[in-house]
Amino acid sequence: MIHLLEPKDIEIDGKVFILSKFPAVAGREIIAKYPTSMVPKIGDYKVSEETMLKLMSYVGVSIGDSVIPLTTIALVNNHTGNWETLAKLEIAMMEYNCSFFRDGRISNLLNDTAQKTPVWISKILTALSAQSSPTEKPPLTS
């Protein structure tokens, strides 16, 4: 079981979660992977999901006298309920663990990324479409 460091209660969408500071090495890994795994790349969702699960393992919920860390997909799904609550919880964890993400700066980063993503995807699709559409007809063979 993971020990929660400097636990802090927070309410998100009517549910109470216990945030924790990351231990040094795990925190370094999460902070190194989290922003880059969120950049849209084909095939990198698995890294993003693994990083989210590592981050969520430092979030707990109180059940009776016990604190249960959210260490599995089932626990995350059961206690967050939907992707929006999960996203808010991820942002709260990053803000709690990273002084440079406080004061809404992570929200600005995510909003900027969300606004730039469709343009980026459009450029890639246009380039791929041009590559797959030949400009000349192939010579006829008979």
N, C-alpha and C. Protein backbone atom coordinates (compact mmCIF):
# COMPACT_ATOMS: atom_id res chain seq x y z
N MET A 1 0.84 -1.18 0.00
CA MET A 1 0.00 0.00 0.00
C MET A 1 0.90 1.25 0.00
N ILE A 2 0.49 2.23 -0.76
CA ILE A 2 1.25 3.48 -0.88
C ILE A 2 0.92 4.38 0.29
N HIS A 3 1.96 4.97 0.88
CA HIS A 3 1.81 5.90 1.99
C HIS A 3 1.54 7.29 1.42
N LEU A 4 0.50 7.95 1.90
CA LEU A 4 0.18 9.30 1.43
C LEU A 4 1.00 10.32 2.21
N LEU A 5 1.76 11.15 1.48
CA LEU A 5 2.60 12.17 2.08
C LEU A 5 1.87 13.51 2.12
N GLU A 6 1.87 14.14 3.27
CA GLU A 6 1.20 15.43 3.45
C GLU A 6 -0.21 15.41 2.89
N PRO A 7 -1.05 14.49 3.38
CA PRO A 7 -2.40 14.37 2.83
C PRO A 7 -3.22 15.64 3.02
N LYS A 8 -4.06 15.90 2.04
CA LYS A 8 -4.92 17.09 2.04
C LYS A 8 -6.26 16.70 1.44
N ASP A 9 -7.34 16.95 2.19
CA ASP A 9 -8.69 16.66 1.68
C ASP A 9 -9.12 17.74 0.69
N ILE A 10 -9.82 17.30 -0.35
CA ILE A 10 -10.36 18.21 -1.35
C ILE A 10 -11.68 17.64 -1.84
N GLU A 11 -12.63 18.53 -2.09
CA GLU A 11 -13.92 18.09 -2.63
C GLU A 11 -13.99 18.45 -4.10
N ILE A 12 -14.32 17.46 -4.91
CA ILE A 12 -14.48 17.66 -6.35
C ILE A 12 -15.79 17.00 -6.75
N ASP A 13 -16.66 17.78 -7.35
CA ASP A 13 -17.96 17.28 -7.81
C ASP A 13 -18.71 16.52 -6.72
N GLY A 14 -18.66 17.05 -5.50
CA GLY A 14 -19.41 16.46 -4.39
C GLY A 14 -18.76 15.24 -3.75
N LYS A 15 -17.55 14.88 -4.19
CA LYS A 15 -16.84 13.73 -3.64
C LYS A 15 -15.57 14.20 -2.96
N VAL A 16 -15.23 13.60 -1.83
CA VAL A 16 -14.03 13.98 -1.09
C VAL A 16 -12.90 13.03 -1.45
N PHE A 17 -11.77 13.62 -1.84
CA PHE A 17 -10.56 12.87 -2.16
C PHE A 17 -9.45 13.36 -1.25
N ILE A 18 -8.46 12.52 -1.05
CA ILE A 18 -7.29 12.89 -0.26
C ILE A 18 -6.11 12.98 -1.22
N LEU A 19 -5.61 14.19 -1.41
CA LEU A 19 -4.43 14.40 -2.25
C LEU A 19 -3.19 14.11 -1.44
N SER A 20 -2.13 13.74 -2.11
CA SER A 20 -0.86 13.44 -1.46
C SER A 20 0.27 14.04 -2.28
N LYS A 21 1.33 14.40 -1.61
CA LYS A 21 2.54 14.79 -2.32
C LYS A 21 3.17 13.53 -2.90
N PHE A 22 3.84 13.69 -4.04
CA PHE A 22 4.55 12.57 -4.63
C PHE A 22 5.87 12.37 -3.89
N PRO A 23 6.32 11.12 -3.69
CA PRO A 23 7.68 10.91 -3.23
C PRO A 23 8.64 11.37 -4.34
N ALA A 24 9.86 11.64 -4.02
CA ALA A 24 10.81 12.27 -4.95
C ALA A 24 10.94 11.55 -6.29
N VAL A 25 11.26 10.27 -6.29
CA VAL A 25 11.52 9.56 -7.55
C VAL A 25 10.24 9.36 -8.36
N ALA A 26 9.17 8.96 -7.70
CA ALA A 26 7.90 8.81 -8.40
C ALA A 26 7.43 10.16 -8.95
N GLY A 27 7.60 11.21 -8.17
CA GLY A 27 7.23 12.55 -8.63
C GLY A 27 8.02 12.98 -9.85
N ARG A 28 9.30 12.67 -9.85
CA ARG A 28 10.13 13.02 -11.02
C ARG A 28 9.62 12.31 -12.27
N GLU A 29 9.28 11.03 -12.12
CA GLU A 29 8.77 10.26 -13.26
C GLU A 29 7.43 10.83 -13.76
N ILE A 30 6.52 11.08 -12.82
CA ILE A 30 5.21 11.61 -13.20
C ILE A 30 5.35 12.96 -13.88
N ILE A 31 6.14 13.84 -13.31
CA ILE A 31 6.29 15.19 -13.88
C ILE A 31 7.00 15.13 -15.23
N ALA A 32 7.93 14.21 -15.40
CA ALA A 32 8.62 14.09 -16.69
C ALA A 32 7.70 13.55 -17.77
N LYS A 33 6.83 12.59 -17.43
CA LYS A 33 5.99 11.94 -18.43
C LYS A 33 4.65 12.64 -18.66
N TYR A 34 4.11 13.27 -17.63
CA TYR A 34 2.74 13.78 -17.71
C TYR A 34 2.53 14.78 -18.85
N PRO A 35 3.30 15.86 -18.93
CA PRO A 35 3.03 16.83 -20.01
C PRO A 35 3.28 16.25 -21.40
N THR A 36 4.34 15.47 -21.56
CA THR A 36 4.66 14.96 -22.89
C THR A 36 3.71 13.86 -23.32
N SER A 37 3.16 13.09 -22.36
CA SER A 37 2.22 12.03 -22.75
C SER A 37 0.86 12.60 -23.10
N MET A 38 0.60 13.85 -22.75
CA MET A 38 -0.68 14.48 -23.07
C MET A 38 -0.68 15.09 -24.47
N VAL A 39 0.50 15.24 -25.07
CA VAL A 39 0.58 15.77 -26.43
C VAL A 39 0.07 14.70 -27.37
N PRO A 40 -0.83 15.08 -28.28
CA PRO A 40 -1.41 14.04 -29.14
C PRO A 40 -0.39 13.41 -30.09
N LYS A 41 -0.14 12.17 -29.87
CA LYS A 41 0.73 11.38 -30.75
C LYS A 41 0.05 10.05 -30.93
N ILE A 42 0.11 9.53 -32.11
CA ILE A 42 -0.51 8.24 -32.36
C ILE A 42 0.25 7.17 -31.59
N GLY A 43 -0.48 6.39 -30.81
CA GLY A 43 0.12 5.27 -30.09
C GLY A 43 0.67 5.60 -28.72
N ASP A 44 0.59 6.84 -28.25
CA ASP A 44 1.14 7.19 -26.94
C ASP A 44 0.09 7.21 -25.84
N TYR A 45 -1.15 6.84 -26.14
CA TYR A 45 -2.16 6.88 -25.10
C TYR A 45 -1.80 5.97 -23.94
N LYS A 46 -1.19 4.85 -24.21
CA LYS A 46 -0.84 3.90 -23.15
C LYS A 46 0.09 4.55 -22.12
N VAL A 47 1.07 5.34 -22.58
CA VAL A 47 1.97 6.05 -21.66
C VAL A 47 1.16 7.05 -20.83
N SER A 48 0.23 7.74 -21.47
CA SER A 48 -0.61 8.71 -20.77
C SER A 48 -1.44 8.00 -19.69
N GLU A 49 -2.03 6.86 -20.03
CA GLU A 49 -2.84 6.11 -19.07
C GLU A 49 -1.99 5.59 -17.91
N GLU A 50 -0.81 5.05 -18.21
CA GLU A 50 0.08 4.55 -17.15
C GLU A 50 0.49 5.67 -16.21
N THR A 51 0.78 6.85 -16.77
CA THR A 51 1.19 8.00 -15.96
C THR A 51 0.03 8.47 -15.09
N MET A 52 -1.18 8.51 -15.67
CA MET A 52 -2.36 8.89 -14.90
C MET A 52 -2.57 7.92 -13.74
N LEU A 53 -2.43 6.62 -13.99
CA LEU A 53 -2.62 5.64 -12.91
C LEU A 53 -1.56 5.79 -11.82
N LYS A 54 -0.33 6.10 -12.21
CA LYS A 54 0.71 6.33 -11.21
C LYS A 54 0.35 7.55 -10.38
N LEU A 55 -0.09 8.62 -11.04
CA LEU A 55 -0.51 9.85 -10.34
C LEU A 55 -1.66 9.54 -9.39
N MET A 56 -2.67 8.81 -9.88
CA MET A 56 -3.85 8.52 -9.08
C MET A 56 -3.54 7.60 -7.89
N SER A 57 -2.45 6.86 -7.95
CA SER A 57 -2.10 5.99 -6.83
C SER A 57 -1.70 6.81 -5.60
N TYR A 58 -1.50 8.11 -5.76
CA TYR A 58 -1.21 9.02 -4.65
C TYR A 58 -2.43 9.83 -4.25
N VAL A 59 -3.61 9.39 -4.71
CA VAL A 59 -4.90 9.95 -4.30
C VAL A 59 -5.59 8.88 -3.49
N GLY A 60 -6.21 9.27 -2.39
CA GLY A 60 -6.92 8.31 -1.58
C GLY A 60 -8.36 8.70 -1.37
N VAL A 61 -9.15 7.74 -0.94
CA VAL A 61 -10.52 7.98 -0.51
C VAL A 61 -10.70 7.30 0.84
N SER A 62 -11.49 7.94 1.70
CA SER A 62 -11.76 7.36 3.01
C SER A 62 -12.94 6.41 2.93
N ILE A 63 -12.73 5.21 3.44
CA ILE A 63 -13.80 4.23 3.56
C ILE A 63 -13.73 3.71 4.99
N GLY A 64 -14.69 4.15 5.79
CA GLY A 64 -14.65 3.81 7.21
C GLY A 64 -13.42 4.45 7.84
N ASP A 65 -12.62 3.63 8.51
CA ASP A 65 -11.40 4.11 9.15
C ASP A 65 -10.18 3.96 8.26
N SER A 66 -10.37 3.48 7.04
CA SER A 66 -9.25 3.23 6.13
C SER A 66 -9.19 4.27 5.03
N VAL A 67 -7.98 4.48 4.53
CA VAL A 67 -7.77 5.30 3.34
C VAL A 67 -7.32 4.35 2.23
N ILE A 68 -8.07 4.34 1.15
CA ILE A 68 -7.78 3.45 0.02
C ILE A 68 -7.18 4.28 -1.11
N PRO A 69 -5.92 3.98 -1.52
CA PRO A 69 -5.36 4.69 -2.67
C PRO A 69 -5.98 4.17 -3.97
N LEU A 70 -6.15 5.06 -4.92
CA LEU A 70 -6.76 4.71 -6.21
C LEU A 70 -5.70 4.12 -7.13
N THR A 71 -5.38 2.86 -6.91
CA THR A 71 -4.25 2.21 -7.59
C THR A 71 -4.63 1.41 -8.82
N THR A 72 -5.92 1.25 -9.10
CA THR A 72 -6.33 0.47 -10.26
C THR A 72 -7.35 1.24 -11.09
N ILE A 73 -7.54 0.82 -12.31
CA ILE A 73 -8.55 1.44 -13.18
C ILE A 73 -9.93 1.31 -12.53
N ALA A 74 -10.23 0.15 -11.96
CA ALA A 74 -11.54 -0.06 -11.34
C ALA A 74 -11.76 0.91 -10.18
N LEU A 75 -10.75 1.10 -9.33
CA LEU A 75 -10.89 2.04 -8.21
C LEU A 75 -11.06 3.47 -8.71
N VAL A 76 -10.28 3.84 -9.72
CA VAL A 76 -10.40 5.20 -10.29
C VAL A 76 -11.80 5.38 -10.85
N ASN A 77 -12.27 4.43 -11.66
CA ASN A 77 -13.61 4.54 -12.24
C ASN A 77 -14.70 4.59 -11.18
N ASN A 78 -14.61 3.73 -10.18
CA ASN A 78 -15.64 3.67 -9.14
C ASN A 78 -15.71 4.94 -8.30
N HIS A 79 -14.58 5.56 -8.02
CA HIS A 79 -14.58 6.71 -7.11
C HIS A 79 -14.66 8.05 -7.82
N THR A 80 -14.27 8.12 -9.09
CA THR A 80 -14.41 9.40 -9.80
C THR A 80 -15.74 9.45 -10.53
N GLY A 81 -16.18 8.33 -11.07
CA GLY A 81 -17.47 8.27 -11.72
C GLY A 81 -17.48 8.67 -13.18
N ASN A 82 -16.73 9.69 -13.56
CA ASN A 82 -16.72 10.12 -14.96
C ASN A 82 -15.39 10.79 -15.28
N TRP A 83 -15.14 10.98 -16.58
CA TRP A 83 -13.84 11.49 -17.01
C TRP A 83 -13.62 12.94 -16.57
N GLU A 84 -14.69 13.72 -16.45
CA GLU A 84 -14.51 15.12 -16.06
C GLU A 84 -14.03 15.24 -14.62
N THR A 85 -14.61 14.44 -13.74
CA THR A 85 -14.15 14.44 -12.35
C THR A 85 -12.71 13.96 -12.28
N LEU A 86 -12.39 12.93 -13.06
CA LEU A 86 -11.00 12.44 -13.12
C LEU A 86 -10.07 13.55 -13.58
N ALA A 87 -10.44 14.27 -14.64
CA ALA A 87 -9.59 15.35 -15.15
C ALA A 87 -9.39 16.44 -14.08
N LYS A 88 -10.46 16.81 -13.38
CA LYS A 88 -10.35 17.82 -12.32
C LYS A 88 -9.42 17.33 -11.20
N LEU A 89 -9.52 16.04 -10.89
CA LEU A 89 -8.67 15.46 -9.85
C LEU A 89 -7.20 15.44 -10.29
N GLU A 90 -6.95 15.11 -11.55
CA GLU A 90 -5.58 15.14 -12.06
C GLU A 90 -5.01 16.56 -11.98
N ILE A 91 -5.80 17.54 -12.37
CA ILE A 91 -5.34 18.94 -12.30
C ILE A 91 -5.05 19.32 -10.85
N ALA A 92 -5.94 18.93 -9.94
CA ALA A 92 -5.73 19.24 -8.52
C ALA A 92 -4.44 18.62 -8.01
N MET A 93 -4.15 17.39 -8.43
CA MET A 93 -2.91 16.73 -8.01
C MET A 93 -1.68 17.44 -8.55
N MET A 94 -1.74 17.84 -9.82
CA MET A 94 -0.59 18.55 -10.39
C MET A 94 -0.38 19.90 -9.70
N GLU A 95 -1.47 20.61 -9.41
CA GLU A 95 -1.35 21.88 -8.72
C GLU A 95 -0.80 21.69 -7.30
N TYR A 96 -1.24 20.63 -6.61
CA TYR A 96 -0.79 20.38 -5.25
C TYR A 96 0.69 19.98 -5.21
N ASN A 97 1.15 19.28 -6.23
CA ASN A 97 2.51 18.77 -6.24
C ASN A 97 3.52 19.67 -6.96
N CYS A 98 3.06 20.62 -7.74
CA CYS A 98 3.97 21.44 -8.55
C CYS A 98 3.66 22.91 -8.36
N SER A 99 4.55 23.61 -7.70
CA SER A 99 4.30 25.02 -7.45
C SER A 99 4.12 25.81 -8.74
N PHE A 100 4.75 25.37 -9.83
CA PHE A 100 4.65 26.11 -11.08
C PHE A 100 3.33 25.85 -11.80
N PHE A 101 2.47 24.96 -11.28
CA PHE A 101 1.14 24.74 -11.87
C PHE A 101 0.03 25.38 -11.03
N ARG A 102 0.40 26.06 -9.96
CA ARG A 102 -0.63 26.66 -9.11
C ARG A 102 -1.18 27.92 -9.75
N ASP A 103 -2.21 28.44 -9.14
CA ASP A 103 -2.86 29.68 -9.60
C ASP A 103 -3.42 29.56 -11.00
N GLY A 104 -3.89 28.37 -11.37
CA GLY A 104 -4.55 28.19 -12.65
C GLY A 104 -3.62 28.06 -13.84
N ARG A 105 -2.32 28.04 -13.62
CA ARG A 105 -1.40 27.96 -14.75
C ARG A 105 -1.52 26.63 -15.49
N ILE A 106 -1.84 25.54 -14.79
CA ILE A 106 -2.03 24.26 -15.49
C ILE A 106 -3.28 24.33 -16.36
N SER A 107 -4.32 25.00 -15.86
CA SER A 107 -5.53 25.14 -16.67
C SER A 107 -5.24 25.92 -17.94
N ASN A 108 -4.42 26.96 -17.84
CA ASN A 108 -4.04 27.73 -19.02
C ASN A 108 -3.26 26.86 -20.00
N LEU A 109 -2.34 26.05 -19.47
CA LEU A 109 -1.56 25.15 -20.32
C LEU A 109 -2.47 24.16 -21.04
N LEU A 110 -3.41 23.56 -20.30
CA LEU A 110 -4.32 22.59 -20.91
C LEU A 110 -5.26 23.27 -21.92
N ASN A 111 -5.72 24.47 -21.60
CA ASN A 111 -6.58 25.20 -22.55
C ASN A 111 -5.82 25.54 -23.82
N ASP A 112 -4.57 26.00 -23.69
CA ASP A 112 -3.76 26.31 -24.87
C ASP A 112 -3.56 25.06 -25.72
N THR A 113 -3.27 23.94 -25.06
CA THR A 113 -3.07 22.68 -25.78
C THR A 113 -4.36 22.26 -26.50
N ALA A 114 -5.49 22.40 -25.81
CA ALA A 114 -6.77 22.02 -26.41
C ALA A 114 -7.10 22.88 -27.62
N GLN A 115 -6.73 24.16 -27.59
CA GLN A 115 -7.01 25.05 -28.72
C GLN A 115 -6.08 24.79 -29.89
N LYS A 116 -4.85 24.39 -29.62
CA LYS A 116 -3.87 24.17 -30.69
C LYS A 116 -3.99 22.78 -31.32
N THR A 117 -4.54 21.83 -30.60
CA THR A 117 -4.61 20.45 -31.07
C THR A 117 -5.35 20.30 -32.39
N PRO A 118 -6.56 20.89 -32.58
CA PRO A 118 -7.24 20.71 -33.87
C PRO A 118 -6.43 21.24 -35.06
N VAL A 119 -5.73 22.35 -34.88
CA VAL A 119 -4.90 22.90 -35.97
C VAL A 119 -3.76 21.94 -36.28
N TRP A 120 -3.13 21.42 -35.25
CA TRP A 120 -2.03 20.49 -35.41
C TRP A 120 -2.50 19.23 -36.14
N ILE A 121 -3.64 18.69 -35.71
CA ILE A 121 -4.17 17.48 -36.35
C ILE A 121 -4.53 17.75 -37.80
N SER A 122 -5.13 18.92 -38.07
CA SER A 122 -5.50 19.29 -39.44
C SER A 122 -4.28 19.35 -40.34
N LYS A 123 -3.19 19.92 -39.85
CA LYS A 123 -1.95 19.99 -40.64
C LYS A 123 -1.43 18.59 -40.98
N ILE A 124 -1.45 17.71 -40.00
CA ILE A 124 -0.96 16.34 -40.21
C ILE A 124 -1.84 15.62 -41.22
N LEU A 125 -3.17 15.74 -41.05
CA LEU A 125 -4.08 15.06 -41.97
C LEU A 125 -3.96 15.60 -43.39
N THR A 126 -3.76 16.91 -43.53
CA THR A 126 -3.58 17.50 -44.85
C THR A 126 -2.32 16.96 -45.50
N ALA A 127 -1.24 16.90 -44.74
CA ALA A 127 0.03 16.37 -45.27
C ALA A 127 -0.12 14.90 -45.67
N LEU A 128 -0.77 14.12 -44.83
CA LEU A 128 -0.96 12.70 -45.14
C LEU A 128 -1.88 12.51 -46.35
N SER A 129 -2.89 13.34 -46.46
CA SER A 129 -3.80 13.26 -47.59
C SER A 129 -3.07 13.57 -48.90
N ALA A 130 -2.21 14.57 -48.86
CA ALA A 130 -1.44 14.93 -50.06
C ALA A 130 -0.51 13.79 -50.46
N GLN A 131 0.08 13.12 -49.50
CA GLN A 131 0.99 12.01 -49.79
C GLN A 131 0.25 10.81 -50.38
N SER A 132 -0.98 10.60 -49.96
CA SER A 132 -1.71 9.43 -50.43
C SER A 132 -2.51 9.69 -51.70
N SER A 133 -2.55 10.92 -52.17
CA SER A 133 -3.28 11.26 -53.40
C SER A 133 -2.29 11.60 -54.49
N PRO A 134 -2.06 10.68 -55.44
CA PRO A 134 -1.10 10.96 -56.50
C PRO A 134 -1.62 12.09 -57.40
N THR A 135 -0.68 12.94 -57.85
CA THR A 135 -1.06 14.09 -58.68
C THR A 135 -1.09 13.70 -60.15
N GLU A 136 -0.41 12.63 -60.55
CA GLU A 136 -0.42 12.18 -61.93
C GLU A 136 -1.07 10.81 -62.02
N LYS A 137 -1.69 10.57 -63.17
CA LYS A 137 -2.27 9.25 -63.39
C LYS A 137 -1.17 8.27 -63.72
N PRO A 138 -1.25 7.06 -63.20
CA PRO A 138 -0.22 6.08 -63.53
C PRO A 138 -0.35 5.69 -65.01
N PRO A 139 0.76 5.35 -65.65
CA PRO A 139 0.71 4.96 -67.05
C PRO A 139 -0.12 3.68 -67.23
N LEU A 140 -0.86 3.64 -68.31
CA LEU A 140 -1.67 2.47 -68.60
C LEU A 140 -0.77 1.36 -69.14
N THR A 141 -1.03 0.18 -68.68
CA THR A 141 -0.29 -0.98 -69.19
C THR A 141 -1.27 -1.91 -69.87
N SER A 142 -0.94 -2.36 -71.07
CA SER A 142 -1.83 -3.27 -71.76
C SER A 142 -1.11 -4.46 -72.28
